[in-house]
PDB file of all heavy atoms in Angstrom:
ATOM      1  N   THR A   1      -6.418   8.762  -3.344  1.00  0.00           N
ATOM      2  CA  THR A   1      -5.490   8.464  -4.452  1.00  0.00           C
ATOM      3  C   THR A   1      -4.594   9.632  -4.631  1.00  0.00           C
ATOM      4  O   THR A   1      -3.363   9.477  -4.803  1.00  0.00           O
ATOM      5  CB  THR A   1      -6.293   8.188  -5.754  1.00  0.00           C
ATOM      6  OG1 THR A   1      -7.200   7.108  -5.577  1.00  0.00           O
ATOM      7  CG2 THR A   1      -5.354   7.902  -6.895  1.00  0.00           C
ATOM      8  N   ARG A   2      -5.112  10.892  -4.650  1.00  0.00           N
ATOM      9  CA  ARG A   2      -4.277  12.084  -4.789  1.00  0.00           C
ATOM     10  C   ARG A   2      -3.340  12.160  -3.623  1.00  0.00           C
ATOM     11  O   ARG A   2      -2.151  12.486  -3.778  1.00  0.00           O
ATOM     12  CB  ARG A   2      -5.218  13.310  -4.843  1.00  0.00           C
ATOM     13  CG  ARG A   2      -4.597  14.455  -5.610  1.00  0.00           C
ATOM     14  CD  ARG A   2      -5.543  15.615  -5.823  1.00  0.00           C
ATOM     15  NE  ARG A   2      -6.836  15.264  -6.343  1.00  0.00           N
ATOM     16  CZ  ARG A   2      -7.966  15.550  -5.772  1.00  0.00           C
ATOM     17  NH1 ARG A   2      -7.957  16.286  -4.656  1.00  0.00           N
ATOM     18  NH2 ARG A   2      -9.080  15.268  -6.258  1.00  0.00           N
ATOM     19  N   PHE A   3      -3.781  11.916  -2.428  1.00  0.00           N
ATOM     20  CA  PHE A   3      -2.852  11.961  -1.274  1.00  0.00           C
ATOM     21  C   PHE A   3      -1.798  10.934  -1.396  1.00  0.00           C
ATOM     22  O   PHE A   3      -0.549  11.246  -1.203  1.00  0.00           O
ATOM     23  CB  PHE A   3      -3.731  11.670   0.026  1.00  0.00           C
ATOM     24  CG  PHE A   3      -2.889  11.493   1.238  1.00  0.00           C
ATOM     25  CD1 PHE A   3      -2.258  12.561   1.887  1.00  0.00           C
ATOM     26  CD2 PHE A   3      -2.618  10.212   1.769  1.00  0.00           C
ATOM     27  CE1 PHE A   3      -1.493  12.394   2.976  1.00  0.00           C
ATOM     28  CE2 PHE A   3      -1.758  10.039   2.903  1.00  0.00           C
ATOM     29  CZ  PHE A   3      -1.262  11.153   3.475  1.00  0.00           C
ATOM     30  N   LEU A   4      -2.132   9.657  -1.819  1.00  0.00           N
ATOM     31  CA  LEU A   4      -1.114   8.658  -2.006  1.00  0.00           C
ATOM     32  C   LEU A   4      -0.107   9.027  -3.167  1.00  0.00           C
ATOM     33  O   LEU A   4       1.046   8.761  -3.016  1.00  0.00           O
ATOM     34  CB  LEU A   4      -1.766   7.269  -2.231  1.00  0.00           C
ATOM     35  CG  LEU A   4      -2.439   6.681  -1.054  1.00  0.00           C
ATOM     36  CD1 LEU A   4      -3.174   5.439  -1.441  1.00  0.00           C
ATOM     37  CD2 LEU A   4      -1.461   6.411   0.042  1.00  0.00           C
ATOM     38  N   GLN A   5      -0.677   9.639  -4.211  1.00  0.00           N
ATOM     39  CA  GLN A   5       0.178  10.046  -5.327  1.00  0.00           C
ATOM     40  C   GLN A   5       1.112  11.147  -4.855  1.00  0.00           C
ATOM     41  O   GLN A   5       2.348  11.091  -5.162  1.00  0.00           O
ATOM     42  CB  GLN A   5      -0.631  10.499  -6.532  1.00  0.00           C
ATOM     43  CG  GLN A   5      -1.266   9.383  -7.310  1.00  0.00           C
ATOM     44  CD  GLN A   5      -2.172   9.877  -8.424  1.00  0.00           C
ATOM     45  OE1 GLN A   5      -2.583  11.028  -8.452  1.00  0.00           O
ATOM     46  NE2 GLN A   5      -2.475   8.972  -9.345  1.00  0.00           N
ATOM     47  N   ASP A   6       0.569  12.104  -4.107  1.00  0.00           N
ATOM     48  CA  ASP A   6       1.460  13.191  -3.571  1.00  0.00           C
ATOM     49  C   ASP A   6       2.538  12.554  -2.643  1.00  0.00           C
ATOM     50  O   ASP A   6       3.672  12.950  -2.686  1.00  0.00           O
ATOM     51  CB  ASP A   6       0.606  14.194  -2.823  1.00  0.00           C
ATOM     52  CG  ASP A   6      -0.227  15.075  -3.733  1.00  0.00           C
ATOM     53  OD1 ASP A   6       0.042  15.050  -4.958  1.00  0.00           O
ATOM     54  OD2 ASP A   6      -1.147  15.752  -3.278  1.00  0.00           O
ATOM     55  N   LYS A   7       2.075  11.662  -1.766  1.00  0.00           N
ATOM     56  CA  LYS A   7       2.956  11.017  -0.872  1.00  0.00           C
ATOM     57  C   LYS A   7       4.042  10.232  -1.670  1.00  0.00           C
ATOM     58  O   LYS A   7       5.227  10.325  -1.287  1.00  0.00           O
ATOM     59  CB  LYS A   7       2.236  10.117   0.058  1.00  0.00           C
ATOM     60  CG  LYS A   7       3.121   9.551   1.192  1.00  0.00           C
ATOM     61  CD  LYS A   7       2.311   8.816   2.236  1.00  0.00           C
ATOM     62  CE  LYS A   7       3.199   8.271   3.310  1.00  0.00           C
ATOM     63  NZ  LYS A   7       2.596   7.659   4.374  1.00  0.00           N
ATOM     64  N   LEU A   8       3.637   9.511  -2.701  1.00  0.00           N
ATOM     65  CA  LEU A   8       4.574   8.732  -3.511  1.00  0.00           C
ATOM     66  C   LEU A   8       5.555   9.677  -4.206  1.00  0.00           C
ATOM     67  O   LEU A   8       6.756   9.443  -4.193  1.00  0.00           O
ATOM     68  CB  LEU A   8       3.794   7.926  -4.527  1.00  0.00           C
ATOM     69  CG  LEU A   8       4.635   7.099  -5.548  1.00  0.00           C
ATOM     70  CD1 LEU A   8       5.426   6.045  -4.760  1.00  0.00           C
ATOM     71  CD2 LEU A   8       3.795   6.490  -6.607  1.00  0.00           C
ATOM     72  N   SER A   9       5.020  10.832  -4.731  1.00  0.00           N
ATOM     73  CA  SER A   9       5.897  11.816  -5.325  1.00  0.00           C
ATOM     74  C   SER A   9       6.890  12.389  -4.333  1.00  0.00           C
ATOM     75  O   SER A   9       8.073  12.483  -4.672  1.00  0.00           O
ATOM     76  CB  SER A   9       5.042  12.913  -5.959  1.00  0.00           C
ATOM     77  OG  SER A   9       5.849  13.947  -6.481  1.00  0.00           O
ATOM     78  N   ARG A  10       6.405  12.721  -3.137  1.00  0.00           N
ATOM     79  CA  ARG A  10       7.289  13.199  -2.118  1.00  0.00           C
ATOM     80  C   ARG A  10       8.354  12.172  -1.720  1.00  0.00           C
ATOM     81  O   ARG A  10       9.559  12.458  -1.544  1.00  0.00           O
ATOM     82  CB  ARG A  10       6.553  13.690  -0.894  1.00  0.00           C
ATOM     83  CG  ARG A  10       5.881  15.029  -1.059  1.00  0.00           C
ATOM     84  CD  ARG A  10       5.398  15.601   0.275  1.00  0.00           C
ATOM     85  NE  ARG A  10       4.506  14.721   1.007  1.00  0.00           N
ATOM     86  CZ  ARG A  10       3.234  14.590   0.847  1.00  0.00           C
ATOM     87  NH1 ARG A  10       2.557  15.407   0.048  1.00  0.00           N
ATOM     88  NH2 ARG A  10       2.478  13.776   1.584  1.00  0.00           N
ATOM     89  N   GLU A  11       7.922  10.869  -1.614  1.00  0.00           N
ATOM     90  CA  GLU A  11       8.816   9.786  -1.287  1.00  0.00           C
ATOM     91  C   GLU A  11       9.843   9.606  -2.379  1.00  0.00           C
ATOM     92  O   GLU A  11      11.059   9.413  -2.104  1.00  0.00           O
ATOM     93  CB  GLU A  11       8.054   8.530  -1.032  1.00  0.00           C
ATOM     94  CG  GLU A  11       7.331   8.440   0.256  1.00  0.00           C
ATOM     95  CD  GLU A  11       8.300   8.425   1.448  1.00  0.00           C
ATOM     96  OE1 GLU A  11       9.306   7.829   1.363  1.00  0.00           O
ATOM     97  OE2 GLU A  11       7.937   9.115   2.452  1.00  0.00           O
ATOM     98  N   GLU A  12       9.438   9.732  -3.658  1.00  0.00           N
ATOM     99  CA  GLU A  12      10.367   9.580  -4.793  1.00  0.00           C
ATOM    100  C   GLU A  12      11.365  10.702  -4.751  1.00  0.00           C
ATOM    101  O   GLU A  12      12.562  10.554  -4.931  1.00  0.00           O
ATOM    102  CB  GLU A  12       9.614   9.624  -6.103  1.00  0.00           C
ATOM    103  CG  GLU A  12       8.892   8.296  -6.390  1.00  0.00           C
ATOM    104  CD  GLU A  12       8.100   8.386  -7.678  1.00  0.00           C
ATOM    105  OE1 GLU A  12       7.948   9.449  -8.267  1.00  0.00           O
ATOM    106  OE2 GLU A  12       7.672   7.272  -8.190  1.00  0.00           O
ATOM    107  N   GLN A  13      10.891  11.966  -4.461  1.00  0.00           N
ATOM    108  CA  GLN A  13      11.821  13.096  -4.378  1.00  0.00           C
ATOM    109  C   GLN A  13      12.773  12.914  -3.215  1.00  0.00           C
ATOM    110  O   GLN A  13      13.976  13.126  -3.336  1.00  0.00           O
ATOM    111  CB  GLN A  13      10.998  14.389  -4.206  1.00  0.00           C
ATOM    112  CG  GLN A  13      10.329  14.836  -5.506  1.00  0.00           C
ATOM    113  CD  GLN A  13       9.495  16.120  -5.292  1.00  0.00           C
ATOM    114  OE1 GLN A  13       9.365  16.578  -4.154  1.00  0.00           O
ATOM    115  NE2 GLN A  13       9.013  16.694  -6.408  1.00  0.00           N
ATOM    116  N   SER A  14      12.198  12.495  -2.093  1.00  0.00           N
ATOM    117  CA  SER A  14      13.033  12.214  -0.927  1.00  0.00           C
ATOM    118  C   SER A  14      14.040  11.112  -1.220  1.00  0.00           C
ATOM    119  O   SER A  14      15.226  11.224  -0.788  1.00  0.00           O
ATOM    120  CB  SER A  14      12.143  11.855   0.284  1.00  0.00           C
ATOM    121  OG  SER A  14      12.950  11.570   1.404  1.00  0.00           O
ATOM    122  N   SER A  15      13.575  10.071  -1.868  1.00  0.00           N
ATOM    123  CA  SER A  15      14.408   8.925  -2.196  1.00  0.00           C
ATOM    124  C   SER A  15      15.519   9.406  -3.137  1.00  0.00           C
ATOM    125  O   SER A  15      16.696   9.077  -2.988  1.00  0.00           O
ATOM    126  CB  SER A  15      13.570   7.846  -2.864  1.00  0.00           C
ATOM    127  OG  SER A  15      14.421   6.819  -3.307  1.00  0.00           O
ATOM    128  N   MET A  16      15.163  10.279  -4.173  1.00  0.00           N
ATOM    129  CA  MET A  16      16.192  10.775  -5.102  1.00  0.00           C
ATOM    130  C   MET A  16      17.205  11.683  -4.377  1.00  0.00           C
ATOM    131  O   MET A  16      18.414  11.563  -4.569  1.00  0.00           O
ATOM    132  CB  MET A  16      15.543  11.628  -6.198  1.00  0.00           C
ATOM    133  CG  MET A  16      14.718  10.760  -7.171  1.00  0.00           C
ATOM    134  SD  MET A  16      15.780   9.585  -8.052  1.00  0.00           S
ATOM    135  CE  MET A  16      16.580  10.674  -9.198  1.00  0.00           C
ATOM    136  N   CYS A  17      16.662  12.488  -3.402  1.00  0.00           N
ATOM    137  CA  CYS A  17      17.553  13.303  -2.614  1.00  0.00           C
ATOM    138  C   CYS A  17      18.468  12.480  -1.759  1.00  0.00           C
ATOM    139  O   CYS A  17      19.701  12.717  -1.700  1.00  0.00           O
ATOM    140  CB  CYS A  17      16.732  14.285  -1.772  1.00  0.00           C
ATOM    141  SG  CYS A  17      17.741  15.441  -0.828  1.00  0.00           S
ATOM    142  N   GLY A  18      17.891  11.409  -1.096  1.00  0.00           N
ATOM    143  CA  GLY A  18      18.719  10.506  -0.272  1.00  0.00           C
ATOM    144  C   GLY A  18      19.714   9.741  -1.118  1.00  0.00           C
ATOM    145  O   GLY A  18      20.885   9.613  -0.750  1.00  0.00           O
ATOM    146  N   LEU A  19      19.295   9.352  -2.308  1.00  0.00           N
ATOM    147  CA  LEU A  19      20.189   8.617  -3.219  1.00  0.00           C
ATOM    148  C   LEU A  19      21.375   9.585  -3.651  1.00  0.00           C
ATOM    149  O   LEU A  19      22.521   9.181  -3.655  1.00  0.00           O
ATOM    150  CB  LEU A  19      19.468   8.119  -4.443  1.00  0.00           C
ATOM    151  CG  LEU A  19      20.274   7.366  -5.497  1.00  0.00           C
ATOM    152  CD1 LEU A  19      20.913   6.076  -4.872  1.00  0.00           C
ATOM    153  CD2 LEU A  19      19.410   7.038  -6.699  1.00  0.00           C
ATOM    154  N   HIS A  20      20.982  10.815  -3.936  1.00  0.00           N
ATOM    155  CA  HIS A  20      21.997  11.823  -4.277  1.00  0.00           C
ATOM    156  C   HIS A  20      23.013  11.993  -3.134  1.00  0.00           C
ATOM    157  O   HIS A  20      24.226  12.028  -3.364  1.00  0.00           O
ATOM    158  CB  HIS A  20      21.373  13.166  -4.647  1.00  0.00           C
ATOM    159  CG  HIS A  20      22.316  14.221  -5.046  1.00  0.00           C
ATOM    160  ND1 HIS A  20      23.117  14.127  -6.183  1.00  0.00           N
ATOM    161  CD2 HIS A  20      22.688  15.325  -4.398  1.00  0.00           C
ATOM    162  CE1 HIS A  20      23.866  15.225  -6.237  1.00  0.00           C
ATOM    163  NE2 HIS A  20      23.661  15.945  -5.142  1.00  0.00           N
ATOM    164  N   LYS A  21      22.458  12.118  -1.927  1.00  0.00           N
ATOM    165  CA  LYS A  21      23.361  12.269  -0.711  1.00  0.00           C
ATOM    166  C   LYS A  21      24.240  11.014  -0.557  1.00  0.00           C
ATOM    167  O   LYS A  21      25.460  11.167  -0.292  1.00  0.00           O
ATOM    168  CB  LYS A  21      22.517  12.488   0.526  1.00  0.00           C
ATOM    169  CG  LYS A  21      21.921  13.868   0.603  1.00  0.00           C
ATOM    170  CD  LYS A  21      21.103  14.012   1.874  1.00  0.00           C
ATOM    171  CE  LYS A  21      20.423  15.398   1.933  1.00  0.00           C
ATOM    172  NZ  LYS A  21      19.598  15.502   3.127  1.00  0.00           N
ATOM    173  N   VAL A  22      23.648   9.843  -0.775  1.00  0.00           N
ATOM    174  CA  VAL A  22      24.438   8.634  -0.594  1.00  0.00           C
ATOM    175  C   VAL A  22      25.526   8.582  -1.659  1.00  0.00           C
ATOM    176  O   VAL A  22      26.670   8.253  -1.354  1.00  0.00           O
ATOM    177  CB  VAL A  22      23.484   7.367  -0.700  1.00  0.00           C
ATOM    178  CG1 VAL A  22      24.319   6.103  -0.823  1.00  0.00           C
ATOM    179  CG2 VAL A  22      22.637   7.259   0.593  1.00  0.00           C
ATOM    180  N   LEU A  23      25.128   8.925  -2.928  1.00  0.00           N
ATOM    181  CA  LEU A  23      26.105   8.869  -3.991  1.00  0.00           C
ATOM    182  C   LEU A  23      27.248   9.915  -3.825  1.00  0.00           C
ATOM    183  O   LEU A  23      28.394   9.639  -4.007  1.00  0.00           O
ATOM    184  CB  LEU A  23      25.456   9.135  -5.335  1.00  0.00           C
ATOM    185  CG  LEU A  23      24.664   7.979  -5.961  1.00  0.00           C
ATOM    186  CD1 LEU A  23      23.913   8.397  -7.222  1.00  0.00           C
ATOM    187  CD2 LEU A  23      25.520   6.813  -6.228  1.00  0.00           C
ATOM    188  N   THR A  24      26.860  11.076  -3.268  1.00  0.00           N
ATOM    189  CA  THR A  24      27.845  12.104  -2.925  1.00  0.00           C
ATOM    190  C   THR A  24      28.759  11.638  -1.839  1.00  0.00           C
ATOM    191  O   THR A  24      30.026  11.772  -1.990  1.00  0.00           O
ATOM    192  CB  THR A  24      27.116  13.382  -2.521  1.00  0.00           C
ATOM    193  OG1 THR A  24      26.240  13.864  -3.588  1.00  0.00           O
ATOM    194  CG2 THR A  24      28.110  14.492  -2.219  1.00  0.00           C
ATOM    195  N   ALA A  25      28.234  11.017  -0.823  1.00  0.00           N
ATOM    196  CA  ALA A  25      29.056  10.523   0.259  1.00  0.00           C
ATOM    197  C   ALA A  25      29.979   9.374  -0.229  1.00  0.00           C
ATOM    198  O   ALA A  25      31.160   9.306   0.116  1.00  0.00           O
ATOM    199  CB  ALA A  25      28.203  10.012   1.443  1.00  0.00           C
ATOM    200  N   TRP A  26      29.430   8.475  -1.121  1.00  0.00           N
ATOM    201  CA  TRP A  26      30.199   7.418  -1.644  1.00  0.00           C
ATOM    202  C   TRP A  26      31.353   7.940  -2.579  1.00  0.00           C
ATOM    203  O   TRP A  26      32.468   7.484  -2.446  1.00  0.00           O
ATOM    204  CB  TRP A  26      29.270   6.509  -2.501  1.00  0.00           C
ATOM    205  CG  TRP A  26      29.977   5.392  -3.208  1.00  0.00           C
ATOM    206  CD1 TRP A  26      30.143   5.291  -4.549  1.00  0.00           C
ATOM    207  CD2 TRP A  26      30.664   4.247  -2.647  1.00  0.00           C
ATOM    208  NE1 TRP A  26      30.877   4.151  -4.840  1.00  0.00           N
ATOM    209  CE2 TRP A  26      31.197   3.513  -3.692  1.00  0.00           C
ATOM    210  CE3 TRP A  26      30.868   3.841  -1.324  1.00  0.00           C
ATOM    211  CZ2 TRP A  26      31.902   2.322  -3.488  1.00  0.00           C
ATOM    212  CZ3 TRP A  26      31.564   2.681  -1.136  1.00  0.00           C
ATOM    213  CH2 TRP A  26      32.074   1.951  -2.223  1.00  0.00           C
ATOM    214  N   ARG A  27      31.019   8.952  -3.378  1.00  0.00           N
ATOM    215  CA  ARG A  27      32.042   9.500  -4.248  1.00  0.00           C
ATOM    216  C   ARG A  27      33.174  10.180  -3.374  1.00  0.00           C
ATOM    217  O   ARG A  27      34.344  10.101  -3.652  1.00  0.00           O
ATOM    218  CB  ARG A  27      31.434  10.519  -5.138  1.00  0.00           C
ATOM    219  CG  ARG A  27      30.681   9.852  -6.303  1.00  0.00           C
ATOM    220  CD  ARG A  27      30.163  10.887  -7.291  1.00  0.00           C
ATOM    221  NE  ARG A  27      29.338  10.171  -8.249  1.00  0.00           N
ATOM    222  CZ  ARG A  27      28.163  10.685  -8.691  1.00  0.00           C
ATOM    223  NH1 ARG A  27      27.670  11.783  -8.234  1.00  0.00           N
ATOM    224  NH2 ARG A  27      27.437  10.007  -9.586  1.00  0.00           N
ATOM    225  N   LEU A  28      32.690  10.863  -2.309  1.00  0.00           N
ATOM    226  CA  LEU A  28      33.655  11.495  -1.399  1.00  0.00           C
ATOM    227  C   LEU A  28      34.596  10.448  -0.779  1.00  0.00           C
ATOM    228  O   LEU A  28      35.837  10.660  -0.711  1.00  0.00           O
ATOM    229  CB  LEU A  28      32.890  12.300  -0.330  1.00  0.00           C
ATOM    230  CG  LEU A  28      33.756  13.082   0.631  1.00  0.00           C
ATOM    231  CD1 LEU A  28      34.537  14.200  -0.110  1.00  0.00           C
ATOM    232  CD2 LEU A  28      32.879  13.731   1.711  1.00  0.00           C
ATOM    233  N   ALA A  29      33.987   9.311  -0.373  1.00  0.00           N
ATOM    234  CA  ALA A  29      34.779   8.237   0.234  1.00  0.00           C
ATOM    235  C   ALA A  29      35.792   7.675  -0.764  1.00  0.00           C
ATOM    236  O   ALA A  29      36.886   7.435  -0.467  1.00  0.00           O
ATOM    237  CB  ALA A  29      33.860   7.176   0.816  1.00  0.00           C
ATOM    238  N   GLN A  30      35.248   7.473  -1.985  1.00  0.00           N
ATOM    239  CA  GLN A  30      36.091   6.988  -3.027  1.00  0.00           C
ATOM    240  C   GLN A  30      37.245   7.968  -3.392  1.00  0.00           C
ATOM    241  O   GLN A  30      38.372   7.545  -3.548  1.00  0.00           O
ATOM    242  CB  GLN A  30      35.311   6.713  -4.281  1.00  0.00           C
ATOM    243  CG  GLN A  30      34.477   5.453  -4.261  1.00  0.00           C
ATOM    244  CD  GLN A  30      33.783   5.154  -5.553  1.00  0.00           C
ATOM    245  OE1 GLN A  30      33.306   6.066  -6.254  1.00  0.00           O
ATOM    246  NE2 GLN A  30      33.676   3.890  -5.928  1.00  0.00           N
ATOM    247  N   ARG A  31      36.922   9.258  -3.438  1.00  0.00           N
ATOM    248  CA  ARG A  31      37.932  10.258  -3.673  1.00  0.00           C
ATOM    249  C   ARG A  31      39.021  10.238  -2.557  1.00  0.00           C
ATOM    250  O   ARG A  31      40.226  10.363  -2.832  1.00  0.00           O
ATOM    251  CB  ARG A  31      37.326  11.645  -3.766  1.00  0.00           C
ATOM    252  CG  ARG A  31      36.644  11.883  -5.099  1.00  0.00           C
ATOM    253  CD  ARG A  31      36.187  13.355  -5.215  1.00  0.00           C
ATOM    254  NE  ARG A  31      35.326  13.470  -6.306  1.00  0.00           N
ATOM    255  CZ  ARG A  31      34.110  13.918  -6.231  1.00  0.00           C
ATOM    256  NH1 ARG A  31      33.570  14.345  -5.116  1.00  0.00           N
ATOM    257  NH2 ARG A  31      33.322  14.009  -7.333  1.00  0.00           N
ATOM    258  N   LYS A  32      38.569  10.133  -1.343  1.00  0.00           N
ATOM    259  CA  LYS A  32      39.548  10.085  -0.187  1.00  0.00           C
ATOM    260  C   LYS A  32      40.444   8.871  -0.328  1.00  0.00           C
ATOM    261  O   LYS A  32      41.640   8.976  -0.210  1.00  0.00           O
ATOM    262  CB  LYS A  32      38.798  10.046   1.104  1.00  0.00           C
ATOM    263  CG  LYS A  32      38.346  11.356   1.701  1.00  0.00           C
ATOM    264  CD  LYS A  32      37.786  11.181   3.092  1.00  0.00           C
ATOM    265  CE  LYS A  32      37.351  12.490   3.691  1.00  0.00           C
ATOM    266  NZ  LYS A  32      36.767  12.320   5.029  1.00  0.00           N
ATOM    267  N   THR A  33      39.822   7.736  -0.680  1.00  0.00           N
ATOM    268  CA  THR A  33      40.608   6.518  -0.801  1.00  0.00           C
ATOM    269  C   THR A  33      41.600   6.687  -1.969  1.00  0.00           C
ATOM    270  O   THR A  33      42.803   6.357  -1.873  1.00  0.00           O
ATOM    271  CB  THR A  33      39.707   5.293  -1.122  1.00  0.00           C
ATOM    272  OG1 THR A  33      38.773   5.181  -0.035  1.00  0.00           O
ATOM    273  CG2 THR A  33      40.487   4.014  -1.238  1.00  0.00           C
ATOM    274  N   LYS A  34      41.128   7.168  -3.134  1.00  0.00           N
ATOM    275  CA  LYS A  34      41.965   7.404  -4.261  1.00  0.00           C
ATOM    276  C   LYS A  34      43.051   8.400  -3.959  1.00  0.00           C
ATOM    277  O   LYS A  34      44.251   8.256  -4.373  1.00  0.00           O
ATOM    278  CB  LYS A  34      41.107   7.877  -5.495  1.00  0.00           C
ATOM    279  CG  LYS A  34      41.870   7.799  -6.752  1.00  0.00           C
ATOM    280  CD  LYS A  34      42.169   6.404  -7.162  1.00  0.00           C
ATOM    281  CE  LYS A  34      42.750   6.312  -8.567  1.00  0.00           C
ATOM    282  NZ  LYS A  34      43.149   4.993  -8.898  1.00  0.00           N
TER     283      LYS A  34
END
């Protein structure tokens, strides 16, 4: 359970980091278009 919680926490952090990167790339693309 602890391993899965740690893994879930790492996945959530990784997911948040990935989401942040995706949002940053999306904003950059939108800025270029604008």
